[in-house]
Amino acid sequence: MNMGGNVAFDGSKIALFLGDALAVILRDEIAGLPFAGYWDLPGGGREGSETPFACGQRECFEELGLHVPQSAVAWSQSYAEGPLTKWFFVAHLPASAADRVVFGDEGQRWSLMQPSAFLSHAKAVPAFQDRLRDYLERSG
């Protein structure tokens, strides 16, 4: 599986399944913040020379306190956003991992959401709805 290696990219997201539900984060309501008050997935911008997966892994730990091992990744894909490249990973941990979540200081709260609810939610980040849909359609 392509984990991105040490390629040029700007950020990573992880659609993290805890059992059959997605771990989602309600973004802060801050003026000027893109998609303020929308449901988001763990992830963010690259720091230093980290790889795409290391970026997503670090962000997931900062935001939810969960370590996502590389072996948990089921799918990965890079996406162009104008001149930027973003990575999208899908990882699976047991449902019991929800008991270990330690919510970080970004966002209003976290929750578990069924993938179908995220895909149809009027206030979920649209690009991540599309990317999750890509995964679900390709994984059959």
N, C-alpha and C. Protein backbone atom coordinates (compact mmCIF):
# COMPACT_ATOMS: atom_id res chain seq x y z
N MET A 1 0.84 -1.18 0.00
CA MET A 1 0.00 0.00 0.00
C MET A 1 0.89 1.24 0.00
N ASN A 2 0.46 2.23 -0.75
CA ASN A 2 1.23 3.47 -0.85
C ASN A 2 0.95 4.33 0.38
N MET A 3 1.97 4.57 1.18
CA MET A 3 1.84 5.40 2.38
C MET A 3 2.38 6.80 2.14
N GLY A 4 2.73 7.10 0.89
CA GLY A 4 3.14 8.44 0.55
C GLY A 4 4.64 8.66 0.53
N GLY A 5 5.39 7.82 1.22
CA GLY A 5 6.83 8.01 1.26
C GLY A 5 7.18 9.42 1.70
N ASN A 6 8.27 9.94 1.23
CA ASN A 6 8.69 11.30 1.59
C ASN A 6 8.50 12.19 0.37
N VAL A 7 7.25 12.33 -0.06
CA VAL A 7 6.90 13.13 -1.23
C VAL A 7 6.42 14.50 -0.80
N ALA A 8 6.38 15.42 -1.75
CA ALA A 8 5.85 16.75 -1.47
C ALA A 8 4.34 16.65 -1.23
N PHE A 9 3.88 17.18 -0.12
CA PHE A 9 2.45 17.19 0.18
C PHE A 9 2.23 18.25 1.26
N ASP A 10 0.98 18.57 1.50
CA ASP A 10 0.66 19.66 2.42
C ASP A 10 -0.05 19.21 3.68
N GLY A 11 -0.73 18.06 3.65
CA GLY A 11 -1.44 17.60 4.83
C GLY A 11 -2.04 16.23 4.62
N SER A 12 -2.56 15.66 5.71
CA SER A 12 -3.16 14.32 5.68
C SER A 12 -4.38 14.27 6.58
N LYS A 13 -5.32 13.42 6.20
CA LYS A 13 -6.49 13.12 7.02
C LYS A 13 -6.59 11.61 7.14
N ILE A 14 -7.17 11.17 8.26
CA ILE A 14 -7.43 9.74 8.45
C ILE A 14 -8.91 9.55 8.76
N ALA A 15 -9.58 8.80 7.91
CA ALA A 15 -10.93 8.33 8.23
C ALA A 15 -10.71 7.14 9.15
N LEU A 16 -10.89 7.37 10.45
CA LEU A 16 -10.57 6.37 11.45
C LEU A 16 -11.84 5.67 11.91
N PHE A 17 -11.95 4.39 11.54
CA PHE A 17 -13.07 3.57 11.98
C PHE A 17 -12.72 2.98 13.33
N LEU A 18 -13.60 3.18 14.30
CA LEU A 18 -13.51 2.50 15.58
C LEU A 18 -14.66 1.51 15.57
N GLY A 19 -14.35 0.26 15.29
CA GLY A 19 -15.40 -0.71 14.98
C GLY A 19 -16.00 -0.32 13.65
N ASP A 20 -17.34 -0.18 13.60
CA ASP A 20 -17.98 0.16 12.32
C ASP A 20 -18.34 1.65 12.21
N ALA A 21 -17.91 2.46 13.19
CA ALA A 21 -18.24 3.89 13.18
C ALA A 21 -16.99 4.73 12.97
N LEU A 22 -17.19 5.92 12.40
CA LEU A 22 -16.10 6.86 12.18
C LEU A 22 -15.91 7.76 13.39
N ALA A 23 -14.66 8.03 13.72
CA ALA A 23 -14.34 9.04 14.72
C ALA A 23 -14.35 10.39 13.99
N VAL A 24 -15.22 11.29 14.42
CA VAL A 24 -15.35 12.60 13.78
C VAL A 24 -15.19 13.70 14.84
N ILE A 25 -14.79 14.87 14.36
CA ILE A 25 -14.52 16.00 15.24
C ILE A 25 -15.32 17.20 14.74
N LEU A 26 -16.06 17.83 15.64
CA LEU A 26 -16.81 19.03 15.30
C LEU A 26 -15.86 20.22 15.37
N ARG A 27 -15.64 20.84 14.21
CA ARG A 27 -14.69 21.96 14.12
C ARG A 27 -15.15 23.14 14.97
N ASP A 28 -14.19 23.92 15.43
CA ASP A 28 -14.49 25.12 16.20
C ASP A 28 -15.31 26.10 15.38
N GLU A 29 -16.04 26.97 16.07
CA GLU A 29 -16.80 28.06 15.45
C GLU A 29 -15.96 29.33 15.55
N ILE A 30 -14.99 29.44 14.66
CA ILE A 30 -14.09 30.59 14.65
C ILE A 30 -14.24 31.31 13.32
N ALA A 31 -14.47 32.61 13.37
CA ALA A 31 -14.62 33.40 12.14
C ALA A 31 -13.39 33.21 11.27
N GLY A 32 -13.62 32.95 9.99
CA GLY A 32 -12.53 32.77 9.04
C GLY A 32 -12.00 31.35 8.94
N LEU A 33 -12.36 30.49 9.87
CA LEU A 33 -11.92 29.10 9.82
C LEU A 33 -12.72 28.38 8.74
N PRO A 34 -12.04 27.76 7.77
CA PRO A 34 -12.79 27.02 6.75
C PRO A 34 -13.66 25.94 7.40
N PHE A 35 -14.89 25.86 6.98
CA PHE A 35 -15.85 24.86 7.45
C PHE A 35 -16.02 24.89 8.98
N ALA A 36 -16.06 26.10 9.53
CA ALA A 36 -16.30 26.26 10.97
C ALA A 36 -17.63 25.59 11.32
N GLY A 37 -17.64 24.83 12.42
CA GLY A 37 -18.85 24.17 12.88
C GLY A 37 -19.25 22.94 12.08
N TYR A 38 -18.37 22.46 11.22
CA TYR A 38 -18.63 21.26 10.42
C TYR A 38 -17.96 20.05 11.05
N TRP A 39 -18.49 18.87 10.74
CA TRP A 39 -17.88 17.62 11.17
C TRP A 39 -16.69 17.32 10.27
N ASP A 40 -15.58 17.00 10.89
CA ASP A 40 -14.30 16.81 10.21
C ASP A 40 -13.72 15.45 10.61
N LEU A 41 -12.63 15.10 9.99
CA LEU A 41 -11.90 13.88 10.32
C LEU A 41 -10.55 14.27 10.92
N PRO A 42 -9.93 13.40 11.70
CA PRO A 42 -8.62 13.73 12.26
C PRO A 42 -7.59 13.98 11.16
N GLY A 43 -6.76 14.95 11.38
CA GLY A 43 -5.69 15.24 10.43
C GLY A 43 -5.39 16.71 10.40
N GLY A 44 -4.42 17.06 9.57
CA GLY A 44 -4.03 18.45 9.45
C GLY A 44 -2.79 18.62 8.60
N GLY A 45 -2.10 19.72 8.82
CA GLY A 45 -0.96 20.10 7.98
C GLY A 45 0.34 19.41 8.36
N ARG A 46 1.18 19.29 7.36
CA ARG A 46 2.49 18.66 7.51
C ARG A 46 3.39 19.52 8.38
N GLU A 47 4.19 18.85 9.18
CA GLU A 47 5.21 19.52 9.98
C GLU A 47 6.57 18.96 9.59
N GLY A 48 7.49 19.85 9.30
CA GLY A 48 8.86 19.44 8.97
C GLY A 48 8.90 18.52 7.78
N SER A 49 9.66 17.45 7.90
CA SER A 49 9.86 16.52 6.78
C SER A 49 9.09 15.22 6.96
N GLU A 50 8.03 15.25 7.79
CA GLU A 50 7.29 14.01 8.04
C GLU A 50 6.64 13.49 6.76
N THR A 51 6.43 12.18 6.73
CA THR A 51 5.76 11.53 5.60
C THR A 51 4.26 11.78 5.71
N PRO A 52 3.51 11.52 4.63
CA PRO A 52 2.05 11.69 4.71
C PRO A 52 1.42 10.88 5.84
N PHE A 53 1.80 9.61 5.99
CA PHE A 53 1.20 8.82 7.05
C PHE A 53 1.62 9.32 8.43
N ALA A 54 2.89 9.67 8.60
CA ALA A 54 3.36 10.19 9.89
C ALA A 54 2.60 11.46 10.26
N CYS A 55 2.28 12.28 9.29
CA CYS A 55 1.50 13.50 9.53
C CYS A 55 0.11 13.14 10.06
N GLY A 56 -0.58 12.26 9.37
CA GLY A 56 -1.92 11.85 9.81
C GLY A 56 -1.88 11.16 11.16
N GLN A 57 -0.87 10.34 11.37
CA GLN A 57 -0.72 9.61 12.63
C GLN A 57 -0.51 10.60 13.78
N ARG A 58 0.36 11.58 13.59
CA ARG A 58 0.62 12.58 14.63
C ARG A 58 -0.63 13.38 14.93
N GLU A 59 -1.32 13.83 13.88
CA GLU A 59 -2.54 14.61 14.07
C GLU A 59 -3.61 13.81 14.80
N CYS A 60 -3.75 12.55 14.47
CA CYS A 60 -4.74 11.70 15.14
C CYS A 60 -4.41 11.57 16.62
N PHE A 61 -3.14 11.46 16.93
CA PHE A 61 -2.75 11.37 18.34
C PHE A 61 -3.01 12.70 19.05
N GLU A 62 -2.68 13.83 18.40
CA GLU A 62 -2.91 15.13 19.02
C GLU A 62 -4.39 15.41 19.24
N GLU A 63 -5.23 14.98 18.30
CA GLU A 63 -6.65 15.32 18.34
C GLU A 63 -7.48 14.32 19.15
N LEU A 64 -7.09 13.04 19.13
CA LEU A 64 -7.90 12.02 19.80
C LEU A 64 -7.12 11.17 20.81
N GLY A 65 -5.81 11.38 20.88
CA GLY A 65 -5.01 10.59 21.81
C GLY A 65 -4.85 9.14 21.41
N LEU A 66 -5.13 8.82 20.16
CA LEU A 66 -5.03 7.43 19.70
C LEU A 66 -3.82 7.26 18.78
N HIS A 67 -3.08 6.19 19.00
CA HIS A 67 -1.98 5.83 18.11
C HIS A 67 -2.54 4.90 17.03
N VAL A 68 -2.36 5.27 15.79
CA VAL A 68 -2.82 4.46 14.66
C VAL A 68 -1.59 3.80 14.04
N PRO A 69 -1.43 2.51 14.21
CA PRO A 69 -0.28 1.84 13.59
C PRO A 69 -0.47 1.73 12.08
N GLN A 70 0.63 1.69 11.39
CA GLN A 70 0.57 1.57 9.93
C GLN A 70 -0.20 0.33 9.51
N SER A 71 -0.13 -0.73 10.31
CA SER A 71 -0.83 -1.97 9.98
C SER A 71 -2.35 -1.81 10.02
N ALA A 72 -2.86 -0.74 10.63
CA ALA A 72 -4.30 -0.50 10.70
C ALA A 72 -4.85 0.16 9.43
N VAL A 73 -3.96 0.63 8.56
CA VAL A 73 -4.38 1.36 7.36
C VAL A 73 -4.87 0.38 6.29
N ALA A 74 -6.10 0.62 5.83
CA ALA A 74 -6.72 -0.23 4.81
C ALA A 74 -6.63 0.38 3.42
N TRP A 75 -6.44 1.70 3.35
CA TRP A 75 -6.49 2.39 2.04
C TRP A 75 -5.81 3.73 2.15
N SER A 76 -5.20 4.17 1.07
CA SER A 76 -4.59 5.50 1.01
C SER A 76 -4.66 6.03 -0.41
N GLN A 77 -4.77 7.35 -0.50
CA GLN A 77 -4.87 7.99 -1.81
C GLN A 77 -4.45 9.45 -1.66
N SER A 78 -3.73 9.97 -2.63
CA SER A 78 -3.42 11.40 -2.64
C SER A 78 -4.44 12.11 -3.52
N TYR A 79 -4.72 13.36 -3.16
CA TYR A 79 -5.68 14.19 -3.88
C TYR A 79 -5.07 15.56 -4.12
N ALA A 80 -5.28 16.09 -5.32
CA ALA A 80 -4.83 17.45 -5.62
C ALA A 80 -5.93 18.42 -5.22
N GLU A 81 -5.53 19.47 -4.51
CA GLU A 81 -6.44 20.57 -4.18
C GLU A 81 -5.78 21.82 -4.72
N GLY A 82 -6.08 22.14 -5.98
CA GLY A 82 -5.38 23.24 -6.64
C GLY A 82 -3.90 22.88 -6.71
N PRO A 83 -3.03 23.77 -6.24
CA PRO A 83 -1.59 23.46 -6.28
C PRO A 83 -1.12 22.58 -5.12
N LEU A 84 -2.02 22.24 -4.20
CA LEU A 84 -1.64 21.48 -3.01
C LEU A 84 -1.94 20.00 -3.19
N THR A 85 -1.20 19.16 -2.50
CA THR A 85 -1.46 17.72 -2.47
C THR A 85 -1.80 17.32 -1.05
N LYS A 86 -2.90 16.63 -0.89
CA LYS A 86 -3.36 16.15 0.42
C LYS A 86 -3.50 14.63 0.35
N TRP A 87 -3.18 13.97 1.45
CA TRP A 87 -3.32 12.52 1.55
C TRP A 87 -4.52 12.16 2.39
N PHE A 88 -5.17 11.08 2.01
CA PHE A 88 -6.33 10.58 2.72
C PHE A 88 -6.10 9.11 3.02
N PHE A 89 -6.16 8.76 4.29
CA PHE A 89 -5.97 7.38 4.74
C PHE A 89 -7.26 6.89 5.38
N VAL A 90 -7.49 5.59 5.28
CA VAL A 90 -8.59 4.94 5.99
C VAL A 90 -7.94 3.89 6.88
N ALA A 91 -8.26 3.94 8.18
CA ALA A 91 -7.69 3.00 9.13
C ALA A 91 -8.79 2.43 10.00
N HIS A 92 -8.55 1.23 10.50
CA HIS A 92 -9.53 0.52 11.34
C HIS A 92 -8.89 0.12 12.66
N LEU A 93 -9.53 0.51 13.75
CA LEU A 93 -9.16 0.07 15.10
C LEU A 93 -10.40 -0.59 15.71
N PRO A 94 -10.22 -1.40 16.74
CA PRO A 94 -11.38 -2.01 17.38
C PRO A 94 -12.29 -0.95 18.02
N ALA A 95 -13.56 -1.29 18.16
CA ALA A 95 -14.52 -0.37 18.79
C ALA A 95 -14.06 0.03 20.18
N SER A 96 -13.37 -0.86 20.87
CA SER A 96 -12.91 -0.57 22.23
C SER A 96 -11.91 0.59 22.29
N ALA A 97 -11.31 0.95 21.17
CA ALA A 97 -10.38 2.09 21.15
C ALA A 97 -11.08 3.38 21.53
N ALA A 98 -12.40 3.45 21.35
CA ALA A 98 -13.15 4.65 21.73
C ALA A 98 -13.00 4.93 23.22
N ASP A 99 -12.80 3.89 24.02
CA ASP A 99 -12.63 4.07 25.46
C ASP A 99 -11.31 4.74 25.81
N ARG A 100 -10.37 4.77 24.86
CA ARG A 100 -9.05 5.36 25.10
C ARG A 100 -8.92 6.77 24.53
N VAL A 101 -9.97 7.29 23.92
CA VAL A 101 -9.89 8.62 23.32
C VAL A 101 -9.66 9.66 24.41
N VAL A 102 -8.69 10.52 24.14
CA VAL A 102 -8.43 11.70 24.98
C VAL A 102 -8.51 12.87 24.02
N PHE A 103 -9.63 13.61 24.10
CA PHE A 103 -9.88 14.69 23.14
C PHE A 103 -8.89 15.82 23.36
N GLY A 104 -8.30 16.28 22.26
CA GLY A 104 -7.32 17.36 22.30
C GLY A 104 -7.96 18.73 22.42
N ASP A 105 -7.20 19.76 22.07
CA ASP A 105 -7.68 21.14 22.26
C ASP A 105 -8.15 21.80 20.97
N GLU A 106 -8.30 21.04 19.90
CA GLU A 106 -8.84 21.57 18.64
C GLU A 106 -10.22 20.97 18.42
N GLY A 107 -11.19 21.83 18.15
CA GLY A 107 -12.55 21.35 17.92
C GLY A 107 -13.40 21.46 19.18
N GLN A 108 -14.72 21.34 18.96
CA GLN A 108 -15.66 21.46 20.07
C GLN A 108 -15.86 20.14 20.81
N ARG A 109 -15.88 19.05 20.06
CA ARG A 109 -16.04 17.73 20.65
C ARG A 109 -15.79 16.68 19.57
N TRP A 110 -15.72 15.45 20.01
CA TRP A 110 -15.59 14.34 19.07
C TRP A 110 -16.81 13.44 19.25
N SER A 111 -17.04 12.60 18.26
CA SER A 111 -18.16 11.68 18.33
C SER A 111 -17.88 10.50 17.42
N LEU A 112 -18.71 9.49 17.55
CA LEU A 112 -18.71 8.38 16.60
C LEU A 112 -19.92 8.56 15.69
N MET A 113 -19.73 8.34 14.41
CA MET A 113 -20.79 8.55 13.43
C MET A 113 -20.74 7.41 12.41
N GLN A 114 -21.88 6.88 12.06
CA GLN A 114 -21.93 5.87 11.01
C GLN A 114 -21.48 6.51 9.69
N PRO A 115 -20.75 5.77 8.86
CA PRO A 115 -20.29 6.34 7.59
C PRO A 115 -21.43 6.92 6.75
N SER A 116 -22.57 6.25 6.71
CA SER A 116 -23.70 6.75 5.91
C SER A 116 -24.18 8.09 6.44
N ALA A 117 -24.15 8.29 7.76
CA ALA A 117 -24.56 9.57 8.34
C ALA A 117 -23.56 10.66 7.99
N PHE A 118 -22.27 10.35 8.01
CA PHE A 118 -21.25 11.33 7.63
C PHE A 118 -21.41 11.71 6.16
N LEU A 119 -21.63 10.71 5.31
CA LEU A 119 -21.75 10.97 3.87
C LEU A 119 -22.96 11.84 3.53
N SER A 120 -24.01 11.76 4.33
CA SER A 120 -25.23 12.52 4.02
C SER A 120 -25.41 13.76 4.90
N HIS A 121 -24.48 13.99 5.82
CA HIS A 121 -24.63 15.11 6.76
C HIS A 121 -24.43 16.45 6.03
N ALA A 122 -25.36 17.37 6.24
CA ALA A 122 -25.27 18.69 5.59
C ALA A 122 -24.09 19.50 6.11
N LYS A 123 -23.58 19.16 7.29
CA LYS A 123 -22.47 19.91 7.86
C LYS A 123 -21.26 19.01 8.13
N ALA A 124 -20.93 18.20 7.12
CA ALA A 124 -19.67 17.45 7.12
C ALA A 124 -18.82 18.05 6.00
N VAL A 125 -17.51 18.10 6.20
CA VAL A 125 -16.62 18.71 5.21
C VAL A 125 -16.79 17.96 3.89
N PRO A 126 -17.26 18.66 2.84
CA PRO A 126 -17.60 17.98 1.57
C PRO A 126 -16.46 17.19 0.94
N ALA A 127 -15.25 17.71 0.95
CA ALA A 127 -14.13 16.99 0.32
C ALA A 127 -13.90 15.64 1.00
N PHE A 128 -14.12 15.59 2.32
CA PHE A 128 -13.88 14.34 3.03
C PHE A 128 -15.04 13.37 2.86
N GLN A 129 -16.23 13.91 2.62
CA GLN A 129 -17.35 13.05 2.24
C GLN A 129 -17.01 12.36 0.91
N ASP A 130 -16.51 13.14 -0.05
CA ASP A 130 -16.16 12.60 -1.37
C ASP A 130 -15.06 11.55 -1.26
N ARG A 131 -14.07 11.80 -0.44
CA ARG A 131 -12.94 10.87 -0.32
C ARG A 131 -13.35 9.59 0.40
N LEU A 132 -14.19 9.71 1.40
CA LEU A 132 -14.70 8.51 2.06
C LEU A 132 -15.56 7.71 1.09
N ARG A 133 -16.37 8.39 0.30
CA ARG A 133 -17.19 7.72 -0.71
C ARG A 133 -16.29 6.97 -1.70
N ASP A 134 -15.17 7.59 -2.12
CA ASP A 134 -14.20 6.91 -3.01
C ASP A 134 -13.77 5.58 -2.39
N TYR A 135 -13.38 5.63 -1.13
CA TYR A 135 -12.94 4.41 -0.46
C TYR A 135 -14.03 3.35 -0.41
N LEU A 136 -15.22 3.76 0.02
CA LEU A 136 -16.30 2.78 0.17
C LEU A 136 -16.71 2.17 -1.16
N GLU A 137 -16.69 2.96 -2.22
CA GLU A 137 -17.03 2.42 -3.55
C GLU A 137 -15.95 1.48 -4.05
N ARG A 138 -14.69 1.78 -3.77
CA ARG A 138 -13.59 0.95 -4.27
C ARG A 138 -13.39 -0.30 -3.42
N SER A 139 -13.77 -0.23 -2.16
CA SER A 139 -13.54 -1.40 -1.30
C SER A 139 -14.71 -2.38 -1.35
N GLY A 140 -15.79 -1.96 -2.01
CA GLY A 140 -16.93 -2.82 -2.25
C GLY A 140 -17.63 -3.25 -1.03
